[in-house]
């Protein structure tokens, strides 16, 4: 299992919330930060999660693929954030 998804499951984040988080991430990465803070993950685990993503951004693609979402939307959202 993808380590991002494993951390979310470890904190009893249900499948619907995980899918909502990644759906938001694919549509609006900045809004995803708001969603993730509402999940109630302890700050130290949230920091670990962010560290994983920073060290290995490919984990996001793996998680999106594992959830059956469209990664091209993540790329499009990322392009919108660049000046």
Protein backbone atom coordinates (compact mmCIF):
# COMPACT_ATOMS: atom_id res chain seq x y z
CA UNK A 1 0.00 0.00 0.00
CA UNK A 2 1.14 3.50 -0.77
CA UNK A 3 2.74 5.09 2.37
CA UNK A 4 0.52 8.19 2.09
CA UNK A 5 -2.59 6.03 2.07
CA UNK A 6 -1.16 3.88 4.89
CA UNK A 7 -0.72 6.92 7.16
CA UNK A 8 -4.26 8.06 6.40
CA UNK A 9 -5.65 4.57 7.16
CA UNK A 10 -3.55 4.41 10.35
CA UNK A 11 -5.52 7.43 11.59
CA UNK A 12 -8.87 5.88 10.72
CA UNK A 13 -9.50 8.14 7.75
CA UNK A 14 -12.22 6.32 5.83
CA UNK A 15 -12.13 5.60 2.11
CA UNK A 16 -14.63 8.35 1.31
CA UNK A 17 -12.49 10.97 3.07
CA UNK A 18 -9.32 9.70 1.38
CA UNK A 19 -10.97 9.86 -2.01
CA UNK A 20 -12.33 13.36 -1.25
CA UNK A 21 -8.84 14.52 -0.25
CA UNK A 22 -7.24 13.24 -3.44
CA UNK A 23 -10.13 14.47 -5.58
CA UNK A 24 -9.60 17.94 -4.09
CA UNK A 25 -5.87 17.58 -4.63
CA UNK A 26 -6.41 16.84 -8.32
CA UNK A 27 -8.70 19.83 -8.73
CA UNK A 28 -7.15 22.42 -6.42
CA UNK A 29 -3.95 21.55 -4.51
CA UNK A 30 -4.25 24.61 -2.25
CA UNK A 31 -7.74 23.59 -1.14
CA UNK A 32 -6.41 20.11 -0.33
CA UNK A 33 -4.44 21.63 2.56
CA UNK A 34 -7.71 22.77 4.10
CA UNK A 35 -9.22 19.31 3.70
CA UNK A 36 -6.20 17.55 5.21
CA UNK A 37 -6.19 19.78 8.30
CA UNK A 38 -9.85 18.84 8.95
CA UNK A 39 -9.00 15.13 9.11
CA UNK A 40 -7.61 15.39 12.63
CA UNK A 41 -4.21 13.88 11.94
CA UNK A 42 -1.76 14.75 14.74
CA UNK A 43 0.77 17.44 13.72
CA UNK A 44 3.76 15.09 14.01
CA UNK A 45 2.15 12.55 11.65
CA UNK A 46 1.08 15.31 9.30
CA UNK A 47 4.69 16.51 9.24
CA UNK A 48 5.84 12.95 8.50
CA UNK A 49 3.30 12.74 5.68
CA UNK A 50 4.45 16.04 4.19
CA UNK A 51 8.07 14.90 4.48
CA UNK A 52 7.28 11.75 2.52
CA UNK A 53 5.64 13.78 -0.23
CA UNK A 54 8.51 16.29 -0.35
CA UNK A 55 11.13 13.52 -0.58
CA UNK A 56 9.20 11.46 -3.10
CA UNK A 57 6.53 13.39 -5.04
CA UNK A 58 5.88 10.26 -7.14
CA UNK A 59 3.98 8.90 -4.12
CA UNK A 60 1.13 11.27 -4.98
CA UNK A 61 0.87 9.77 -8.46
CA UNK A 62 0.96 6.26 -7.00
CA UNK A 63 -1.81 7.12 -4.54
CA UNK A 64 -3.93 8.78 -7.23
CA UNK A 65 -3.47 5.71 -9.46
CA UNK A 66 -4.29 3.38 -6.56
CA UNK A 67 -7.51 5.33 -5.95
CA UNK A 68 -8.42 5.23 -9.64
CA UNK A 69 -8.32 9.01 -10.13
CA UNK A 70 -7.01 10.99 -13.11
CA UNK A 71 -3.41 12.12 -12.51
CA UNK A 72 -3.49 14.46 -15.51
CA UNK A 73 -5.73 16.72 -13.40
CA UNK A 74 -2.97 16.95 -10.79
CA UNK A 75 -0.53 18.02 -13.48
CA UNK A 76 -3.00 20.61 -14.81
CA UNK A 77 -3.58 22.00 -11.31
CA UNK A 78 0.18 22.18 -10.73
CA UNK A 79 0.62 24.11 -13.97
CA UNK A 80 -1.93 26.66 -12.80
CA UNK A 81 0.12 27.31 -9.65
CA UNK A 82 3.28 28.19 -11.58
CA UNK A 83 3.76 31.88 -12.43
